[in-house]
PDB file of N, CA and C in Angstrom:
ATOM      1  N   UNK A   1     -69.685  -2.960 -15.476  1.00  0.00           N
ATOM      2  CA  UNK A   1     -70.960  -3.633 -15.493  1.00  0.00           C
ATOM      3  C   UNK A   1     -71.557  -3.546 -16.840  1.00  0.00           C
ATOM      4  N   UNK A   2     -72.027  -4.665 -17.306  1.00  0.00           N
ATOM      5  CA  UNK A   2     -72.672  -4.696 -18.661  1.00  0.00           C
ATOM      6  C   UNK A   2     -74.194  -4.589 -18.465  1.00  0.00           C
ATOM      7  N   UNK A   3     -74.737  -3.765 -19.298  1.00  0.00           N
ATOM      8  CA  UNK A   3     -76.197  -3.614 -19.304  1.00  0.00           C
ATOM      9  C   UNK A   3     -76.902  -4.660 -20.162  1.00  0.00           C
ATOM     10  N   UNK A   4     -78.161  -4.846 -19.989  1.00  0.00           N
ATOM     11  CA  UNK A   4     -78.927  -5.856 -20.692  1.00  0.00           C
ATOM     12  C   UNK A   4     -78.797  -5.761 -22.199  1.00  0.00           C
ATOM     13  N   UNK A   5     -78.751  -4.555 -22.749  1.00  0.00           N
ATOM     14  CA  UNK A   5     -78.635  -4.394 -24.183  1.00  0.00           C
ATOM     15  C   UNK A   5     -77.343  -4.920 -24.761  1.00  0.00           C
ATOM     16  N   UNK A   6     -76.299  -5.171 -23.942  1.00  0.00           N
ATOM     17  CA  UNK A   6     -75.011  -5.648 -24.405  1.00  0.00           C
ATOM     18  C   UNK A   6     -75.157  -6.939 -25.202  1.00  0.00           C
ATOM     19  N   UNK A   7     -76.040  -7.774 -24.833  1.00  0.00           N
ATOM     20  CA  UNK A   7     -76.219  -9.118 -25.500  1.00  0.00           C
ATOM     21  C   UNK A   7     -76.696  -8.864 -26.945  1.00  0.00           C
ATOM     22  N   UNK A   8     -77.384  -7.700 -27.175  1.00  0.00           N
ATOM     23  CA  UNK A   8     -77.913  -7.455 -28.483  1.00  0.00           C
ATOM     24  C   UNK A   8     -76.989  -6.808 -29.454  1.00  0.00           C
ATOM     25  N   UNK A   9     -75.822  -6.323 -28.902  1.00  0.00           N
ATOM     26  CA  UNK A   9     -74.820  -5.630 -29.746  1.00  0.00           C
ATOM     27  C   UNK A   9     -74.092  -6.598 -30.635  1.00  0.00           C
ATOM     28  N   UNK A  10     -73.697  -6.095 -31.807  1.00  0.00           N
ATOM     29  CA  UNK A  10     -72.837  -6.825 -32.747  1.00  0.00           C
ATOM     30  C   UNK A  10     -71.418  -6.950 -32.202  1.00  0.00           C
ATOM     31  N   UNK A  11     -70.639  -7.779 -32.857  1.00  0.00           N
ATOM     32  CA  UNK A  11     -69.243  -8.039 -32.420  1.00  0.00           C
ATOM     33  C   UNK A  11     -68.442  -6.792 -32.288  1.00  0.00           C
ATOM     34  N   UNK A  12     -68.459  -5.905 -33.291  1.00  0.00           N
ATOM     35  CA  UNK A  12     -67.647  -4.627 -33.283  1.00  0.00           C
ATOM     36  C   UNK A  12     -68.130  -3.705 -32.156  1.00  0.00           C
ATOM     37  N   UNK A  13     -69.453  -3.645 -31.972  1.00  0.00           N
ATOM     38  CA  UNK A  13     -69.978  -2.762 -30.912  1.00  0.00           C
ATOM     39  C   UNK A  13     -69.642  -3.311 -29.516  1.00  0.00           C
ATOM     40  N   UNK A  14     -69.657  -4.601 -29.399  1.00  0.00           N
ATOM     41  CA  UNK A  14     -69.240  -5.206 -28.071  1.00  0.00           C
ATOM     42  C   UNK A  14     -67.734  -4.908 -27.829  1.00  0.00           C
ATOM     43  N   UNK A  15     -66.924  -4.957 -28.816  1.00  0.00           N
ATOM     44  CA  UNK A  15     -65.537  -4.616 -28.635  1.00  0.00           C
ATOM     45  C   UNK A  15     -65.330  -3.136 -28.190  1.00  0.00           C
ATOM     46  N   UNK A  16     -66.125  -2.244 -28.872  1.00  0.00           N
ATOM     47  CA  UNK A  16     -66.061  -0.822 -28.457  1.00  0.00           C
ATOM     48  C   UNK A  16     -66.563  -0.683 -26.976  1.00  0.00           C
ATOM     49  N   UNK A  17     -67.593  -1.320 -26.621  1.00  0.00           N
ATOM     50  CA  UNK A  17     -68.104  -1.310 -25.293  1.00  0.00           C
ATOM     51  C   UNK A  17     -67.067  -1.751 -24.229  1.00  0.00           C
ATOM     52  N   UNK A  18     -66.368  -2.832 -24.567  1.00  0.00           N
ATOM     53  CA  UNK A  18     -65.366  -3.369 -23.645  1.00  0.00           C
ATOM     54  C   UNK A  18     -64.217  -2.372 -23.542  1.00  0.00           C
ATOM     55  N   UNK A  19     -63.774  -1.784 -24.676  1.00  0.00           N
ATOM     56  CA  UNK A  19     -62.683  -0.808 -24.608  1.00  0.00           C
ATOM     57  C   UNK A  19     -63.105   0.386 -23.774  1.00  0.00           C
ATOM     58  N   UNK A  20     -64.331   0.800 -23.873  1.00  0.00           N
ATOM     59  CA  UNK A  20     -64.806   1.936 -23.084  1.00  0.00           C
ATOM     60  C   UNK A  20     -64.757   1.654 -21.603  1.00  0.00           C
ATOM     61  N   UNK A  21     -64.999   0.392 -21.214  1.00  0.00           N
ATOM     62  CA  UNK A  21     -64.897   0.014 -19.811  1.00  0.00           C
ATOM     63  C   UNK A  21     -63.472   0.120 -19.276  1.00  0.00           C
ATOM     64  N   UNK A  22     -62.488   0.088 -20.110  1.00  0.00           N
ATOM     65  CA  UNK A  22     -61.154   0.186 -19.671  1.00  0.00           C
ATOM     66  C   UNK A  22     -60.724   1.688 -19.430  1.00  0.00           C
ATOM     67  N   UNK A  23     -61.569   2.622 -19.819  1.00  0.00           N
ATOM     68  CA  UNK A  23     -61.210   4.075 -19.562  1.00  0.00           C
ATOM     69  C   UNK A  23     -61.538   4.362 -18.090  1.00  0.00           C
ATOM     70  N   UNK A  24     -60.475   4.645 -17.362  1.00  0.00           N
ATOM     71  CA  UNK A  24     -60.629   4.992 -15.923  1.00  0.00           C
ATOM     72  C   UNK A  24     -60.539   6.517 -15.652  1.00  0.00           C
ATOM     73  N   UNK A  25     -60.027   7.289 -16.597  1.00  0.00           N
ATOM     74  CA  UNK A  25     -59.760   8.675 -16.396  1.00  0.00           C
ATOM     75  C   UNK A  25     -59.710   9.448 -17.726  1.00  0.00           C
ATOM     76  N   UNK A  26     -60.052  10.634 -17.622  1.00  0.00           N
ATOM     77  CA  UNK A  26     -59.931  11.531 -18.874  1.00  0.00           C
ATOM     78  C   UNK A  26     -59.042  12.679 -18.457  1.00  0.00           C
ATOM     79  N   UNK A  27     -57.925  12.746 -19.072  1.00  0.00           N
ATOM     80  CA  UNK A  27     -56.954  13.861 -18.726  1.00  0.00           C
ATOM     81  C   UNK A  27     -57.516  15.196 -19.138  1.00  0.00           C
ATOM     82  N   UNK A  28     -57.437  16.166 -18.208  1.00  0.00           N
ATOM     83  CA  UNK A  28     -57.894  17.502 -18.454  1.00  0.00           C
ATOM     84  C   UNK A  28     -56.695  18.509 -18.379  1.00  0.00           C
ATOM     85  N   UNK A  29     -56.694  19.423 -19.324  1.00  0.00           N
ATOM     86  CA  UNK A  29     -55.811  20.450 -19.209  1.00  0.00           C
ATOM     87  C   UNK A  29     -56.535  21.715 -18.816  1.00  0.00           C
ATOM     88  N   UNK A  30     -55.893  22.552 -17.923  1.00  0.00           N
ATOM     89  CA  UNK A  30     -56.550  23.721 -17.525  1.00  0.00           C
ATOM     90  C   UNK A  30     -57.720  23.504 -16.500  1.00  0.00           C
ATOM     91  N   UNK A  31     -57.646  22.485 -15.697  1.00  0.00           N
ATOM     92  CA  UNK A  31     -58.696  22.144 -14.824  1.00  0.00           C
ATOM     93  C   UNK A  31     -58.975  23.240 -13.834  1.00  0.00           C
ATOM     94  N   UNK A  32     -57.999  24.110 -13.509  1.00  0.00           N
ATOM     95  CA  UNK A  32     -58.218  25.207 -12.590  1.00  0.00           C
ATOM     96  C   UNK A  32     -59.299  26.107 -13.067  1.00  0.00           C
ATOM     97  N   UNK A  33     -59.455  26.223 -14.409  1.00  0.00           N
ATOM     98  CA  UNK A  33     -60.454  27.074 -14.971  1.00  0.00           C
ATOM     99  C   UNK A  33     -61.886  26.590 -14.662  1.00  0.00           C
ATOM    100  N   UNK A  34     -62.006  25.315 -14.283  1.00  0.00           N
ATOM    101  CA  UNK A  34     -63.305  24.784 -14.003  1.00  0.00           C
ATOM    102  C   UNK A  34     -63.850  25.074 -12.579  1.00  0.00           C
ATOM    103  N   UNK A  35     -62.903  25.380 -11.723  1.00  0.00           N
ATOM    104  CA  UNK A  35     -63.271  25.611 -10.293  1.00  0.00           C
ATOM    105  C   UNK A  35     -64.372  26.586 -10.105  1.00  0.00           C
ATOM    106  N   UNK A  36     -64.267  27.776 -10.730  1.00  0.00           N
ATOM    107  CA  UNK A  36     -65.313  28.792 -10.535  1.00  0.00           C
ATOM    108  C   UNK A  36     -66.674  28.323 -10.968  1.00  0.00           C
ATOM    109  N   UNK A  37     -66.722  27.478 -12.023  1.00  0.00           N
ATOM    110  CA  UNK A  37     -68.004  27.014 -12.484  1.00  0.00           C
ATOM    111  C   UNK A  37     -68.571  25.943 -11.527  1.00  0.00           C
ATOM    112  N   UNK A  38     -67.669  25.128 -10.952  1.00  0.00           N
ATOM    113  CA  UNK A  38     -68.127  24.134  -9.967  1.00  0.00           C
ATOM    114  C   UNK A  38     -68.729  24.900  -8.751  1.00  0.00           C
ATOM    115  N   UNK A  39     -68.088  25.949  -8.298  1.00  0.00           N
ATOM    116  CA  UNK A  39     -68.592  26.723  -7.139  1.00  0.00           C
ATOM    117  C   UNK A  39     -69.912  27.397  -7.522  1.00  0.00           C
ATOM    118  N   UNK A  40     -70.029  27.877  -8.739  1.00  0.00           N
ATOM    119  CA  UNK A  40     -71.248  28.526  -9.166  1.00  0.00           C
ATOM    120  C   UNK A  40     -72.350  27.536  -9.201  1.00  0.00           C
ATOM    121  N   UNK A  41     -72.068  26.226  -9.735  1.00  0.00           N
ATOM    122  CA  UNK A  41     -73.068  25.185  -9.757  1.00  0.00           C
ATOM    123  C   UNK A  41     -73.599  24.853  -8.367  1.00  0.00           C
ATOM    124  N   UNK A  42     -72.643  24.828  -7.420  1.00  0.00           N
ATOM    125  CA  UNK A  42     -73.071  24.529  -6.086  1.00  0.00           C
ATOM    126  C   UNK A  42     -74.057  25.480  -5.529  1.00  0.00           C
ATOM    127  N   UNK A  43     -73.739  26.784  -5.759  1.00  0.00           N
ATOM    128  CA  UNK A  43     -74.687  27.871  -5.402  1.00  0.00           C
ATOM    129  C   UNK A  43     -76.029  27.733  -6.070  1.00  0.00           C
ATOM    130  N   UNK A  44     -75.974  27.504  -7.398  1.00  0.00           N
ATOM    131  CA  UNK A  44     -77.271  27.409  -8.130  1.00  0.00           C
ATOM    132  C   UNK A  44     -78.102  26.180  -7.701  1.00  0.00           C
ATOM    133  N   UNK A  45     -77.407  25.098  -7.431  1.00  0.00           N
ATOM    134  CA  UNK A  45     -78.168  23.935  -6.946  1.00  0.00           C
ATOM    135  C   UNK A  45     -78.759  24.226  -5.551  1.00  0.00           C
ATOM    136  N   UNK A  46     -77.980  24.789  -4.746  1.00  0.00           N
ATOM    137  CA  UNK A  46     -78.486  25.167  -3.352  1.00  0.00           C
ATOM    138  C   UNK A  46     -79.682  26.109  -3.421  1.00  0.00           C
ATOM    139  N   UNK A  47     -79.675  26.999  -4.367  1.00  0.00           N
ATOM    140  CA  UNK A  47     -80.752  28.005  -4.450  1.00  0.00           C
ATOM    141  C   UNK A  47     -82.032  27.390  -5.092  1.00  0.00           C
ATOM    142  N   UNK A  48     -81.850  26.226  -5.699  1.00  0.00           N
ATOM    143  CA  UNK A  48     -82.945  25.506  -6.387  1.00  0.00           C
ATOM    144  C   UNK A  48     -83.478  26.254  -7.572  1.00  0.00           C
ATOM    145  N   UNK A  49     -82.634  27.103  -8.111  1.00  0.00           N
ATOM    146  CA  UNK A  49     -83.019  27.829  -9.381  1.00  0.00           C
ATOM    147  C   UNK A  49     -82.594  26.922 -10.559  1.00  0.00           C
ATOM    148  N   UNK A  50     -83.509  26.176 -11.046  1.00  0.00           N
ATOM    149  CA  UNK A  50     -83.251  25.176 -12.048  1.00  0.00           C
ATOM    150  C   UNK A  50     -82.658  25.811 -13.388  1.00  0.00           C
ATOM    151  N   UNK A  51     -83.263  26.897 -13.700  1.00  0.00           N
ATOM    152  CA  UNK A  51     -82.857  27.605 -14.979  1.00  0.00           C
ATOM    153  C   UNK A  51     -81.342  27.958 -14.859  1.00  0.00           C
ATOM    154  N   UNK A  52     -80.984  28.575 -13.803  1.00  0.00           N
ATOM    155  CA  UNK A  52     -79.580  29.010 -13.578  1.00  0.00           C
ATOM    156  C   UNK A  52     -78.627  27.785 -13.492  1.00  0.00           C
ATOM    157  N   UNK A  53     -79.091  26.755 -12.848  1.00  0.00           N
ATOM    158  CA  UNK A  53     -78.297  25.509 -12.718  1.00  0.00           C
ATOM    159  C   UNK A  53     -78.060  24.883 -14.064  1.00  0.00           C
ATOM    160  N   UNK A  54     -79.089  24.929 -14.835  1.00  0.00           N
ATOM    161  CA  UNK A  54     -79.006  24.285 -16.187  1.00  0.00           C
ATOM    162  C   UNK A  54     -78.016  25.098 -17.044  1.00  0.00           C
ATOM    163  N   UNK A  55     -78.067  26.383 -17.044  1.00  0.00           N
ATOM    164  CA  UNK A  55     -77.123  27.224 -17.768  1.00  0.00           C
ATOM    165  C   UNK A  55     -75.684  26.954 -17.300  1.00  0.00           C
ATOM    166  N   UNK A  56     -75.509  26.811 -15.965  1.00  0.00           N
ATOM    167  CA  UNK A  56     -74.193  26.597 -15.380  1.00  0.00           C
ATOM    168  C   UNK A  56     -73.703  25.213 -15.832  1.00  0.00           C
ATOM    169  N   UNK A  57     -74.536  24.257 -15.882  1.00  0.00           N
ATOM    170  CA  UNK A  57     -74.143  22.865 -16.256  1.00  0.00           C
ATOM    171  C   UNK A  57     -73.635  22.932 -17.762  1.00  0.00           C
ATOM    172  N   UNK A  58     -74.482  23.595 -18.580  1.00  0.00           N
ATOM    173  CA  UNK A  58     -74.000  23.717 -20.002  1.00  0.00           C
ATOM    174  C   UNK A  58     -72.702  24.401 -20.180  1.00  0.00           C
ATOM    175  N   UNK A  59     -72.486  25.445 -19.334  1.00  0.00           N
ATOM    176  CA  UNK A  59     -71.197  26.106 -19.368  1.00  0.00           C
ATOM    177  C   UNK A  59     -70.039  25.171 -19.005  1.00  0.00           C
ATOM    178  N   UNK A  60     -70.331  24.364 -17.957  1.00  0.00           N
ATOM    179  CA  UNK A  60     -69.325  23.458 -17.501  1.00  0.00           C
ATOM    180  C   UNK A  60     -69.001  22.463 -18.541  1.00  0.00           C
ATOM    181  N   UNK A  61     -70.004  21.852 -19.240  1.00  0.00           N
ATOM    182  CA  UNK A  61     -69.837  20.922 -20.308  1.00  0.00           C
ATOM    183  C   UNK A  61     -68.942  21.540 -21.406  1.00  0.00           C
ATOM    184  N   UNK A  62     -69.293  22.751 -21.787  1.00  0.00           N
ATOM    185  CA  UNK A  62     -68.496  23.408 -22.839  1.00  0.00           C
ATOM    186  C   UNK A  62     -67.058  23.523 -22.417  1.00  0.00           C
ATOM    187  N   UNK A  63     -66.800  23.862 -21.237  1.00  0.00           N
ATOM    188  CA  UNK A  63     -65.418  24.011 -20.758  1.00  0.00           C
ATOM    189  C   UNK A  63     -64.675  22.693 -20.685  1.00  0.00           C
ATOM    190  N   UNK A  64     -65.446  21.717 -20.220  1.00  0.00           N
ATOM    191  CA  UNK A  64     -64.895  20.314 -20.094  1.00  0.00           C
ATOM    192  C   UNK A  64     -64.459  19.849 -21.496  1.00  0.00           C
ATOM    193  N   UNK A  65     -65.286  20.125 -22.481  1.00  0.00           N
ATOM    194  CA  UNK A  65     -64.980  19.662 -23.810  1.00  0.00           C
ATOM    195  C   UNK A  65     -63.716  20.305 -24.356  1.00  0.00           C
ATOM    196  N   UNK A  66     -63.520  21.636 -24.015  1.00  0.00           N
ATOM    197  CA  UNK A  66     -62.377  22.365 -24.391  1.00  0.00           C
ATOM    198  C   UNK A  66     -61.103  21.881 -23.665  1.00  0.00           C
ATOM    199  N   UNK A  67     -61.320  21.269 -22.469  1.00  0.00           N
ATOM    200  CA  UNK A  67     -60.144  20.896 -21.730  1.00  0.00           C
ATOM    201  C   UNK A  67     -59.705  19.444 -21.941  1.00  0.00           C
ATOM    202  N   UNK A  68     -60.504  18.648 -22.658  1.00  0.00           N
ATOM    203  CA  UNK A  68     -60.100  17.246 -22.853  1.00  0.00           C
ATOM    204  C   UNK A  68     -58.964  17.211 -23.870  1.00  0.00           C
ATOM    205  N   UNK A  69     -58.130  16.255 -23.719  1.00  0.00           N
ATOM    206  CA  UNK A  69     -56.962  16.107 -24.617  1.00  0.00           C
ATOM    207  C   UNK A  69     -56.992  14.776 -25.276  1.00  0.00           C
ATOM    208  N   UNK A  70     -57.987  14.547 -26.105  1.00  0.00           N
ATOM    209  CA  UNK A  70     -58.103  13.246 -26.789  1.00  0.00           C
ATOM    210  C   UNK A  70     -57.174  13.330 -28.082  1.00  0.00           C
TER     211      UNK A  70
END
């Protein structure tokens, strides 16, 4: 789905946008290491402790970035 700002993009940016639409998956190495953080996030969200949930999300993002194989 293209957003309204797509029409304002230059030719090169439109090409980048279209290529990004073709990405259907991001391969992860060591995905098992993410499971404990996902479970922790579920608990934090259920407890409605926004501070703890925010910290857990940042931890998950950091691990995801280490697991990507670009």
